[in-house]
Amino acid sequence: AWIVLASVDPAATVAVGIPGSFTLDNFTTVLTPDLTFV
């Protein structure tokens, strides 16, 4: 649950909780050749 919720949380912390707002910026940031694809 933490992995799924934190992945769409713009202010994710180590605590498990429903995000105040949802975003895909975390995926956009990591979807690069150096960080993910390679």
Full PDB file with SEQRES, HELIX, SHEET, SSBOND, CRYST1, ORIGX, SCALE, CONECT and MASTER records, all heavy atoms in Angstrom:
SEQRES   1 A   38  ALA TRP ILE VAL LEU ALA SER VAL ASP PRO ALA ALA THR          
SEQRES   2 A   38  VAL ALA VAL GLY ILE PRO GLY SER PHE THR LEU ASP ASN          
SEQRES   3 A   38  PHE THR THR VAL LEU THR PRO ASP LEU THR PHE VAL              
HELIX    1 AA1 TRP A    2  SER A    7  1                                   6    
HELIX    2 AA2 ASP A   25  VAL A   30  1                                   6    
HELIX    3 AA3 PRO A   33  PHE A   37  3                                   5    
CRYST1    1.000    1.000    1.000  90.00  90.00  90.00 P 1           1          
ORIGX1      1.000000  0.000000  0.000000        0.00000                         
ORIGX2      0.000000  1.000000  0.000000        0.00000                         
ORIGX3      0.000000  0.000000  1.000000        0.00000                         
SCALE1      1.000000  0.000000  0.000000        0.00000                         
SCALE2      0.000000  1.000000  0.000000        0.00000                         
SCALE3      0.000000  0.000000  1.000000        0.00000                         
ATOM      1  N   ALA A   1       0.838  -1.207   0.000  1.00  0.00           N  
ATOM      2  CA  ALA A   1       0.000   0.000   0.000  1.00  0.00           C  
ATOM      3  C   ALA A   1       0.869   1.251   0.000  1.00  0.00           C  
ATOM      4  O   ALA A   1       0.565   2.235  -0.695  1.00  0.00           O  
ATOM      5  CB  ALA A   1      -0.930  -0.014   1.213  1.00  0.00           C  
ATOM      6  N   TRP A   2       1.959   1.237   0.767  1.00  0.00           N  
ATOM      7  CA  TRP A   2       2.839   2.413   0.793  1.00  0.00           C  
ATOM      8  C   TRP A   2       3.453   2.661  -0.580  1.00  0.00           C  
ATOM      9  O   TRP A   2       3.527   3.805  -1.046  1.00  0.00           O  
ATOM     10  CB  TRP A   2       3.953   2.214   1.818  1.00  0.00           C  
ATOM     11  CG  TRP A   2       4.898   3.382   1.839  1.00  0.00           C  
ATOM     12  CD1 TRP A   2       4.759   4.542   2.540  1.00  0.00           C  
ATOM     13  CD2 TRP A   2       6.118   3.511   1.086  1.00  0.00           C  
ATOM     14  NE1 TRP A   2       5.807   5.395   2.278  1.00  0.00           N  
ATOM     15  CE2 TRP A   2       6.658   4.783   1.384  1.00  0.00           C  
ATOM     16  CE3 TRP A   2       6.795   2.678   0.204  1.00  0.00           C  
ATOM     17  CZ2 TRP A   2       7.844   5.237   0.828  1.00  0.00           C  
ATOM     18  CZ3 TRP A   2       7.977   3.120  -0.361  1.00  0.00           C  
ATOM     19  CH2 TRP A   2       8.504   4.390  -0.048  1.00  0.00           C  
ATOM     20  N   ILE A   3       3.908   1.592  -1.252  1.00  0.00           N  
ATOM     21  CA  ILE A   3       4.539   1.750  -2.568  1.00  0.00           C  
ATOM     22  C   ILE A   3       3.565   2.378  -3.553  1.00  0.00           C  
ATOM     23  O   ILE A   3       3.902   3.323  -4.280  1.00  0.00           O  
ATOM     24  CB  ILE A   3       5.047   0.395  -3.079  1.00  0.00           C  
ATOM     25  CG1 ILE A   3       6.249  -0.065  -2.253  1.00  0.00           C  
ATOM     26  CG2 ILE A   3       5.428   0.483  -4.554  1.00  0.00           C  
ATOM     27  CD1 ILE A   3       6.737  -1.450  -2.624  1.00  0.00           C  
ATOM     28  N   VAL A   4       2.336   1.861  -3.588  1.00  0.00           N  
ATOM     29  CA  VAL A   4       1.350   2.354  -4.550  1.00  0.00           C  
ATOM     30  C   VAL A   4       0.957   3.791  -4.230  1.00  0.00           C  
ATOM     31  O   VAL A   4       0.904   4.655  -5.125  1.00  0.00           O  
ATOM     32  CB  VAL A   4       0.120   1.435  -4.561  1.00  0.00           C  
ATOM     33  CG1 VAL A   4      -0.973   2.027  -5.450  1.00  0.00           C  
ATOM     34  CG2 VAL A   4       0.496   0.046  -5.040  1.00  0.00           C  
ATOM     35  N   LEU A   5       0.663   4.078  -2.973  1.00  0.00           N  
ATOM     36  CA  LEU A   5       0.205   5.420  -2.599  1.00  0.00           C  
ATOM     37  C   LEU A   5       1.329   6.451  -2.697  1.00  0.00           C  
ATOM     38  O   LEU A   5       1.120   7.569  -3.177  1.00  0.00           O  
ATOM     39  CB  LEU A   5      -0.367   5.394  -1.178  1.00  0.00           C  
ATOM     40  CG  LEU A   5      -1.650   4.573  -0.990  1.00  0.00           C  
ATOM     41  CD1 LEU A   5      -2.036   4.516   0.476  1.00  0.00           C  
ATOM     42  CD2 LEU A   5      -2.793   5.138  -1.824  1.00  0.00           C  
ATOM     43  N   ALA A   6       2.529   6.090  -2.248  1.00  0.00           N  
ATOM     44  CA  ALA A   6       3.643   7.038  -2.287  1.00  0.00           C  
ATOM     45  C   ALA A   6       4.073   7.361  -3.713  1.00  0.00           C  
ATOM     46  O   ALA A   6       4.588   8.449  -3.977  1.00  0.00           O  
ATOM     47  CB  ALA A   6       4.826   6.489  -1.502  1.00  0.00           C  
ATOM     48  N   SER A   7       3.849   6.417  -4.636  1.00  0.00           N  
ATOM     49  CA  SER A   7       4.275   6.657  -6.016  1.00  0.00           C  
ATOM     50  C   SER A   7       3.479   7.762  -6.694  1.00  0.00           C  
ATOM     51  O   SER A   7       3.942   8.363  -7.665  1.00  0.00           O  
ATOM     52  CB  SER A   7       4.151   5.360  -6.828  1.00  0.00           C  
ATOM     53  OG  SER A   7       2.793   4.968  -6.945  1.00  0.00           O  
ATOM     54  N   VAL A   8       2.278   8.045  -6.183  1.00  0.00           N  
ATOM     55  CA  VAL A   8       1.440   9.102  -6.775  1.00  0.00           C  
ATOM     56  C   VAL A   8       1.263  10.274  -5.811  1.00  0.00           C  
ATOM     57  O   VAL A   8       0.381  11.112  -5.998  1.00  0.00           O  
ATOM     58  CB  VAL A   8       0.061   8.542  -7.185  1.00  0.00           C  
ATOM     59  CG1 VAL A   8       0.205   7.552  -8.324  1.00  0.00           C  
ATOM     60  CG2 VAL A   8      -0.640   7.882  -5.998  1.00  0.00           C  
ATOM     61  N   ASP A   9       2.107  10.329  -4.771  1.00  0.00           N  
ATOM     62  CA  ASP A   9       2.022  11.390  -3.771  1.00  0.00           C  
ATOM     63  C   ASP A   9       3.141  12.398  -4.027  1.00  0.00           C  
ATOM     64  O   ASP A   9       4.321  12.042  -4.000  1.00  0.00           O  
ATOM     65  CB  ASP A   9       2.163  10.793  -2.372  1.00  0.00           C  
ATOM     66  CG  ASP A   9       1.870  11.810  -1.273  1.00  0.00           C  
ATOM     67  OD1 ASP A   9       1.753  13.008  -1.593  1.00  0.00           O  
ATOM     68  OD2 ASP A   9       1.766  11.394  -0.110  1.00  0.00           O  
ATOM     69  N   PRO A  10       2.823  13.667  -4.266  1.00  0.00           N  
ATOM     70  CA  PRO A  10       3.877  14.671  -4.510  1.00  0.00           C  
ATOM     71  C   PRO A  10       4.703  14.989  -3.272  1.00  0.00           C  
ATOM     72  O   PRO A  10       5.809  15.528  -3.386  1.00  0.00           O  
ATOM     73  CB  PRO A  10       3.101  15.896  -4.987  1.00  0.00           C  
ATOM     74  CG  PRO A  10       1.739  15.721  -4.407  1.00  0.00           C  
ATOM     75  CD  PRO A  10       1.478  14.247  -4.384  1.00  0.00           C  
ATOM     76  N   ALA A  11       4.186  14.653  -2.090  1.00  0.00           N  
ATOM     77  CA  ALA A  11       4.915  14.920  -0.844  1.00  0.00           C  
ATOM     78  C   ALA A  11       4.996  13.644  -0.023  1.00  0.00           C  
ATOM     79  O   ALA A  11       4.635  13.614   1.156  1.00  0.00           O  
ATOM     80  CB  ALA A  11       4.242  16.034  -0.050  1.00  0.00           C  
ATOM     81  N   ALA A  12       5.457  12.579  -0.645  1.00  0.00           N  
ATOM     82  CA  ALA A  12       5.478  11.273   0.006  1.00  0.00           C  
ATOM     83  C   ALA A  12       6.479  11.248   1.152  1.00  0.00           C  
ATOM     84  O   ALA A  12       7.553  11.853   1.087  1.00  0.00           O  
ATOM     85  CB  ALA A  12       5.831  10.189  -1.018  1.00  0.00           C  
ATOM     86  N   THR A  13       6.101  10.560   2.207  1.00  0.00           N  
ATOM     87  CA  THR A  13       6.987  10.333   3.343  1.00  0.00           C  
ATOM     88  C   THR A  13       7.023   8.830   3.620  1.00  0.00           C  
ATOM     89  O   THR A  13       6.439   8.032   2.880  1.00  0.00           O  
ATOM     90  CB  THR A  13       6.493  11.086   4.585  1.00  0.00           C  
ATOM     91  OG1 THR A  13       5.214  10.567   4.983  1.00  0.00           O  
ATOM     92  CG2 THR A  13       6.378  12.578   4.309  1.00  0.00           C  
ATOM     93  N   VAL A  14       7.675   8.458   4.712  1.00  0.00           N  
ATOM     94  CA  VAL A  14       7.774   7.047   5.056  1.00  0.00           C  
ATOM     95  C   VAL A  14       6.463   6.512   5.625  1.00  0.00           C  
ATOM     96  O   VAL A  14       6.275   5.301   5.715  1.00  0.00           O  
ATOM     97  CB  VAL A  14       8.929   6.836   6.060  1.00  0.00           C  
ATOM     98  CG1 VAL A  14       8.563   7.382   7.430  1.00  0.00           C  
ATOM     99  CG2 VAL A  14       9.328   5.365   6.154  1.00  0.00           C  
ATOM    100  N   ALA A  15       5.550   7.405   6.008  1.00  0.00           N  
ATOM    101  CA  ALA A  15       4.270   6.989   6.573  1.00  0.00           C  
ATOM    102  C   ALA A  15       3.298   6.598   5.471  1.00  0.00           C  
ATOM    103  O   ALA A  15       3.332   7.127   4.348  1.00  0.00           O  
ATOM    104  CB  ALA A  15       3.677   8.116   7.418  1.00  0.00           C  
ATOM    105  N   VAL A  16       2.417   5.655   5.792  1.00  0.00           N  
ATOM    106  CA  VAL A  16       1.377   5.220   4.858  1.00  0.00           C  
ATOM    107  C   VAL A  16       0.160   6.102   5.049  1.00  0.00           C  
ATOM    108  O   VAL A  16      -0.346   6.253   6.169  1.00  0.00           O  
ATOM    109  CB  VAL A  16       1.002   3.742   5.092  1.00  0.00           C  
ATOM    110  CG1 VAL A  16      -0.078   3.306   4.117  1.00  0.00           C  
ATOM    111  CG2 VAL A  16       2.224   2.854   4.972  1.00  0.00           C  
ATOM    112  N   GLY A  17      -0.318   6.690   3.969  1.00  0.00           N  
ATOM    113  CA  GLY A  17      -1.492   7.543   4.059  1.00  0.00           C  
ATOM    114  C   GLY A  17      -2.020   7.904   2.687  1.00  0.00           C  
ATOM    115  O   GLY A  17      -1.306   7.789   1.677  1.00  0.00           O  
ATOM    116  N   ILE A  18      -3.279   8.314   2.643  1.00  0.00           N  
ATOM    117  CA  ILE A  18      -3.890   8.733   1.390  1.00  0.00           C  
ATOM    118  C   ILE A  18      -3.315  10.086   0.994  1.00  0.00           C  
ATOM    119  O   ILE A  18      -3.322  11.030   1.799  1.00  0.00           O  
ATOM    120  CB  ILE A  18      -5.421   8.832   1.526  1.00  0.00           C  
ATOM    121  CG1 ILE A  18      -6.006   7.498   1.999  1.00  0.00           C  
ATOM    122  CG2 ILE A  18      -6.040   9.244   0.198  1.00  0.00           C  
ATOM    123  CD1 ILE A  18      -5.789   6.355   1.030  1.00  0.00           C  
ATOM    124  N   PRO A  19      -2.795  10.229  -0.222  1.00  0.00           N  
ATOM    125  CA  PRO A  19      -2.212  11.522  -0.636  1.00  0.00           C  
ATOM    126  C   PRO A  19      -3.267  12.620  -0.678  1.00  0.00           C  
ATOM    127  O   PRO A  19      -4.435  12.384  -1.016  1.00  0.00           O  
ATOM    128  CB  PRO A  19      -1.662  11.228  -2.040  1.00  0.00           C  
ATOM    129  CG  PRO A  19      -1.552   9.737  -2.119  1.00  0.00           C  
ATOM    130  CD  PRO A  19      -2.635   9.189  -1.244  1.00  0.00           C  
ATOM    131  N   GLY A  20      -2.829  13.841  -0.328  1.00  0.00           N  
ATOM    132  CA  GLY A  20      -3.739  14.978  -0.426  1.00  0.00           C  
ATOM    133  C   GLY A  20      -4.074  15.297  -1.867  1.00  0.00           C  
ATOM    134  O   GLY A  20      -5.166  15.779  -2.177  1.00  0.00           O  
ATOM    135  N   SER A  21      -3.139  15.031  -2.768  1.00  0.00           N  
ATOM    136  CA  SER A  21      -3.359  15.198  -4.202  1.00  0.00           C  
ATOM    137  C   SER A  21      -2.567  14.122  -4.925  1.00  0.00           C  
ATOM    138  O   SER A  21      -1.574  13.614  -4.411  1.00  0.00           O  
ATOM    139  CB  SER A  21      -2.909  16.588  -4.666  1.00  0.00           C  
ATOM    140  OG  SER A  21      -1.521  16.771  -4.405  1.00  0.00           O  
ATOM    141  N   PHE A  22      -3.011  13.779  -6.112  1.00  0.00           N  
ATOM    142  CA  PHE A  22      -2.381  12.718  -6.878  1.00  0.00           C  
ATOM    143  C   PHE A  22      -1.606  13.321  -8.052  1.00  0.00           C  
ATOM    144  O   PHE A  22      -2.059  14.286  -8.682  1.00  0.00           O  
ATOM    145  CB  PHE A  22      -3.431  11.726  -7.397  1.00  0.00           C  
ATOM    146  CG  PHE A  22      -4.099  10.938  -6.313  1.00  0.00           C  
ATOM    147  CD1 PHE A  22      -5.238  11.430  -5.687  1.00  0.00           C  
ATOM    148  CD2 PHE A  22      -3.587   9.711  -5.913  1.00  0.00           C  
ATOM    149  CE1 PHE A  22      -5.865  10.709  -4.680  1.00  0.00           C  
ATOM    150  CE2 PHE A  22      -4.206   8.978  -4.913  1.00  0.00           C  
ATOM    151  CZ  PHE A  22      -5.341   9.479  -4.297  1.00  0.00           C  
ATOM    152  N   THR A  23      -0.462  12.719  -8.336  1.00  0.00           N  
ATOM    153  CA  THR A  23       0.383  13.204  -9.421  1.00  0.00           C  
ATOM    154  C   THR A  23       1.158  12.045 -10.026  1.00  0.00           C  
ATOM    155  O   THR A  23       1.411  11.030  -9.362  1.00  0.00           O  
ATOM    156  CB  THR A  23       1.367  14.271  -8.917  1.00  0.00           C  
ATOM    157  OG1 THR A  23       2.150  14.729 -10.013  1.00  0.00           O  
ATOM    158  CG2 THR A  23       2.290  13.699  -7.851  1.00  0.00           C  
ATOM    159  N   LEU A  24       1.528  12.213 -11.279  1.00  0.00           N  
ATOM    160  CA  LEU A  24       2.382  11.237 -11.962  1.00  0.00           C  
ATOM    161  C   LEU A  24       3.797  11.773 -12.157  1.00  0.00           C  
ATOM    162  O   LEU A  24       4.579  11.175 -12.905  1.00  0.00           O  
ATOM    163  CB  LEU A  24       1.779  10.870 -13.324  1.00  0.00           C  
ATOM    164  CG  LEU A  24       0.419  10.158 -13.288  1.00  0.00           C  
ATOM    165  CD1 LEU A  24      -0.077   9.909 -14.717  1.00  0.00           C  
ATOM    166  CD2 LEU A  24       0.501   8.833 -12.538  1.00  0.00           C  
ATOM    167  N   ASP A  25       4.114  12.848 -11.460  1.00  0.00           N  
ATOM    168  CA  ASP A  25       5.439  13.447 -11.617  1.00  0.00           C  
ATOM    169  C   ASP A  25       6.555  12.511 -11.163  1.00  0.00           C  
ATOM    170  O   ASP A  25       7.664  12.558 -11.700  1.00  0.00           O  
ATOM    171  CB  ASP A  25       5.515  14.761 -10.826  1.00  0.00           C  
ATOM    172  CG  ASP A  25       4.660  15.857 -11.445  1.00  0.00           C  
ATOM    173  OD1 ASP A  25       4.277  15.700 -12.622  1.00  0.00           O  
ATOM    174  OD2 ASP A  25       4.372  16.853 -10.745  1.00  0.00           O  
ATOM    175  N   ASN A  26       6.277  11.695 -10.159  1.00  0.00           N  
ATOM    176  CA  ASN A  26       7.308  10.755  -9.700  1.00  0.00           C  
ATOM    177  C   ASN A  26       7.687   9.777 -10.800  1.00  0.00           C  
ATOM    178  O   ASN A  26       8.870   9.463 -10.990  1.00  0.00           O  
ATOM    179  CB  ASN A  26       6.810   9.996  -8.470  1.00  0.00           C  
ATOM    180  CG  ASN A  26       6.639  10.887  -7.268  1.00  0.00           C  
ATOM    181  OD1 ASN A  26       7.414  11.816  -7.056  1.00  0.00           O  
ATOM    182  ND2 ASN A  26       5.607  10.631  -6.475  1.00  0.00           N  
ATOM    183  N   PHE A  27       6.689   9.294 -11.540  1.00  0.00           N  
ATOM    184  CA  PHE A  27       6.977   8.380 -12.652  1.00  0.00           C  
ATOM    185  C   PHE A  27       7.697   9.119 -13.779  1.00  0.00           C  
ATOM    186  O   PHE A  27       8.605   8.572 -14.405  1.00  0.00           O  
ATOM    187  CB  PHE A  27       5.682   7.753 -13.170  1.00  0.00           C  
ATOM    188  CG  PHE A  27       5.081   6.751 -12.240  1.00  0.00           C  
ATOM    189  CD1 PHE A  27       4.082   7.111 -11.363  1.00  0.00           C  
ATOM    190  CD2 PHE A  27       5.516   5.432 -12.229  1.00  0.00           C  
ATOM    191  CE1 PHE A  27       3.516   6.195 -10.497  1.00  0.00           C  
ATOM    192  CE2 PHE A  27       4.964   4.498 -11.374  1.00  0.00           C  
ATOM    193  CZ  PHE A  27       3.951   4.878 -10.499  1.00  0.00           C  
ATOM    194  N   THR A  28       7.274  10.342 -14.043  1.00  0.00           N  
ATOM    195  CA  THR A  28       7.927  11.128 -15.096  1.00  0.00           C  
ATOM    196  C   THR A  28       9.399  11.365 -14.780  1.00  0.00           C  
ATOM    197  O   THR A  28      10.257  11.316 -15.669  1.00  0.00           O  
ATOM    198  CB  THR A  28       7.210  12.476 -15.263  1.00  0.00           C  
ATOM    199  OG1 THR A  28       5.823  12.250 -15.524  1.00  0.00           O  
ATOM    200  CG2 THR A  28       7.805  13.266 -16.415  1.00  0.00           C  
ATOM    201  N   THR A  29       9.691  11.587 -13.509  1.00  0.00           N  
ATOM    202  CA  THR A  29      11.070  11.852 -13.107  1.00  0.00           C  
ATOM    203  C   THR A  29      11.965  10.629 -13.262  1.00  0.00           C  
ATOM    204  O   THR A  29      13.115  10.727 -13.698  1.00  0.00           O  
ATOM    205  CB  THR A  29      11.113  12.346 -11.650  1.00  0.00           C  
ATOM    206  OG1 THR A  29      10.292  13.517 -11.529  1.00  0.00           O  
ATOM    207  CG2 THR A  29      12.529  12.684 -11.225  1.00  0.00           C  
ATOM    208  N   VAL A  30      11.448   9.454 -12.902  1.00  0.00           N  
ATOM    209  CA  VAL A  30      12.291   8.253 -12.918  1.00  0.00           C  
ATOM    210  C   VAL A  30      12.334   7.568 -14.289  1.00  0.00           C  
ATOM    211  O   VAL A  30      13.206   6.731 -14.522  1.00  0.00           O  
ATOM    212  CB  VAL A  30      11.814   7.233 -11.858  1.00  0.00           C  
ATOM    213  CG1 VAL A  30      11.846   7.848 -10.478  1.00  0.00           C  
ATOM    214  CG2 VAL A  30      10.426   6.696 -12.179  1.00  0.00           C  
ATOM    215  N   LEU A  31      11.410   7.912 -15.170  1.00  0.00           N  
ATOM    216  CA  LEU A  31      11.381   7.273 -16.480  1.00  0.00           C  
ATOM    217  C   LEU A  31      12.421   7.902 -17.405  1.00  0.00           C  
ATOM    218  O   LEU A  31      12.108   8.576 -18.379  1.00  0.00           O  
ATOM    219  CB  LEU A  31       9.988   7.370 -17.095  1.00  0.00           C  
ATOM    220  CG  LEU A  31       8.957   6.388 -16.537  1.00  0.00           C  
ATOM    221  CD1 LEU A  31       7.580   6.647 -17.121  1.00  0.00           C  
ATOM    222  CD2 LEU A  31       9.382   4.938 -16.826  1.00  0.00           C  
ATOM    223  N   THR A  32      13.673   7.657 -17.088  1.00  0.00           N  
ATOM    224  CA  THR A  32      14.806   8.113 -17.897  1.00  0.00           C  
ATOM    225  C   THR A  32      15.726   6.923 -18.141  1.00  0.00           C  
ATOM    226  O   THR A  32      15.696   5.942 -17.389  1.00  0.00           O  
ATOM    227  CB  THR A  32      15.583   9.231 -17.182  1.00  0.00           C  
ATOM    228  OG1 THR A  32      16.138   8.709 -15.956  1.00  0.00           O  
ATOM    229  CG2 THR A  32      14.681  10.411 -16.865  1.00  0.00           C  
ATOM    230  N   PRO A  33      16.539   6.978 -19.193  1.00  0.00           N  
ATOM    231  CA  PRO A  33      17.449   5.848 -19.454  1.00  0.00           C  
ATOM    232  C   PRO A  33      18.384   5.547 -18.293  1.00  0.00           C  
ATOM    233  O   PRO A  33      18.581   4.383 -17.939  1.00  0.00           O  
ATOM    234  CB  PRO A  33      18.218   6.317 -20.699  1.00  0.00           C  
ATOM    235  CG  PRO A  33      17.303   7.272 -21.377  1.00  0.00           C  
ATOM    236  CD  PRO A  33      16.569   7.981 -20.272  1.00  0.00           C  
ATOM    237  N   ASP A  34      18.957   6.568 -17.679  1.00  0.00           N  
ATOM    238  CA  ASP A  34      19.945   6.339 -16.623  1.00  0.00           C  
ATOM    239  C   ASP A  34      19.319   5.768 -15.360  1.00  0.00           C  
ATOM    240  O   ASP A  34      19.907   4.908 -14.700  1.00  0.00           O  
ATOM    241  CB  ASP A  34      20.672   7.646 -16.286  1.00  0.00           C  
ATOM    242  CG  ASP A  34      21.557   8.120 -17.427  1.00  0.00           C  
ATOM    243  OD1 ASP A  34      21.933   7.276 -18.263  1.00  0.00           O  
ATOM    244  OD2 ASP A  34      21.861   9.332 -17.490  1.00  0.00           O  
ATOM    245  N   LEU A  35      18.122   6.242 -15.005  1.00  0.00           N  
ATOM    246  CA  LEU A  35      17.508   5.824 -13.752  1.00  0.00           C  
ATOM    247  C   LEU A  35      16.736   4.523 -13.857  1.00  0.00           C  
ATOM    248  O   LEU A  35      16.715   3.732 -12.909  1.00  0.00           O  
ATOM    249  CB  LEU A  35      16.576   6.927 -13.227  1.00  0.00           C  
ATOM    250  CG  LEU A  35      17.233   8.178 -12.646  1.00  0.00           C  
ATOM    251  CD1 LEU A  35      16.171   9.190 -12.244  1.00  0.00           C  
ATOM    252  CD2 LEU A  35      18.089   7.809 -11.442  1.00  0.00           C  
ATOM    253  N   THR A  36      16.088   4.271 -14.994  1.00  0.00           N  
ATOM    254  CA  THR A  36      15.164   3.138 -15.067  1.00  0.00           C  
ATOM    255  C   THR A  36      15.445   2.191 -16.230  1.00  0.00           C  
ATOM    256  O   THR A  36      15.615   0.978 -16.028  1.00  0.00           O  
ATOM    257  CB  THR A  36      13.713   3.646 -15.173  1.00  0.00           C  
ATOM    258  OG1 THR A  36      13.414   4.441 -14.019  1.00  0.00           O  
ATOM    259  CG2 THR A  36      12.737   2.486 -15.249  1.00  0.00           C  
ATOM    260  N   PHE A  37      15.483   2.696 -17.450  1.00  0.00           N  
ATOM    261  CA  PHE A  37      15.498   1.815 -18.610  1.00  0.00           C  
ATOM    262  C   PHE A  37      16.763   0.960 -18.679  1.00  0.00           C  
ATOM    263  O   PHE A  37      16.699  -0.263 -18.882  1.00  0.00           O  
ATOM    264  CB  PHE A  37      15.327   2.624 -19.894  1.00  0.00           C  
ATOM    265  CG  PHE A  37      14.005   3.345 -19.974  1.00  0.00           C  
ATOM    266  CD1 PHE A  37      13.943   4.694 -20.267  1.00  0.00           C  
ATOM    267  CD2 PHE A  37      12.823   2.669 -19.734  1.00  0.00           C  
ATOM    268  CE1 PHE A  37      12.736   5.357 -20.333  1.00  0.00           C  
ATOM    269  CE2 PHE A  37      11.611   3.319 -19.799  1.00  0.00           C  
ATOM    270  CZ  PHE A  37      11.554   4.665 -20.091  1.00  0.00           C  
ATOM    271  N   VAL A  38      17.927   1.567 -18.522  1.00  0.00           N  
ATOM    272  CA  VAL A  38      19.181   0.803 -18.580  1.00  0.00           C  
ATOM    273  C   VAL A  38      19.287  -0.181 -17.422  1.00  0.00           C  
ATOM    274  O   VAL A  38      19.611  -1.364 -17.631  1.00  0.00           O  
ATOM    275  CB  VAL A  38      20.397   1.753 -18.619  1.00  0.00           C  
ATOM    276  CG1 VAL A  38      21.700   0.963 -18.484  1.00  0.00           C  
ATOM    277  CG2 VAL A  38      20.399   2.549 -19.924  1.00  0.00           C  
TER     278      VAL A  38                                                      
MASTER        0    0    0    3    0    0    0    6  277    1    0    3          
END                                                                             
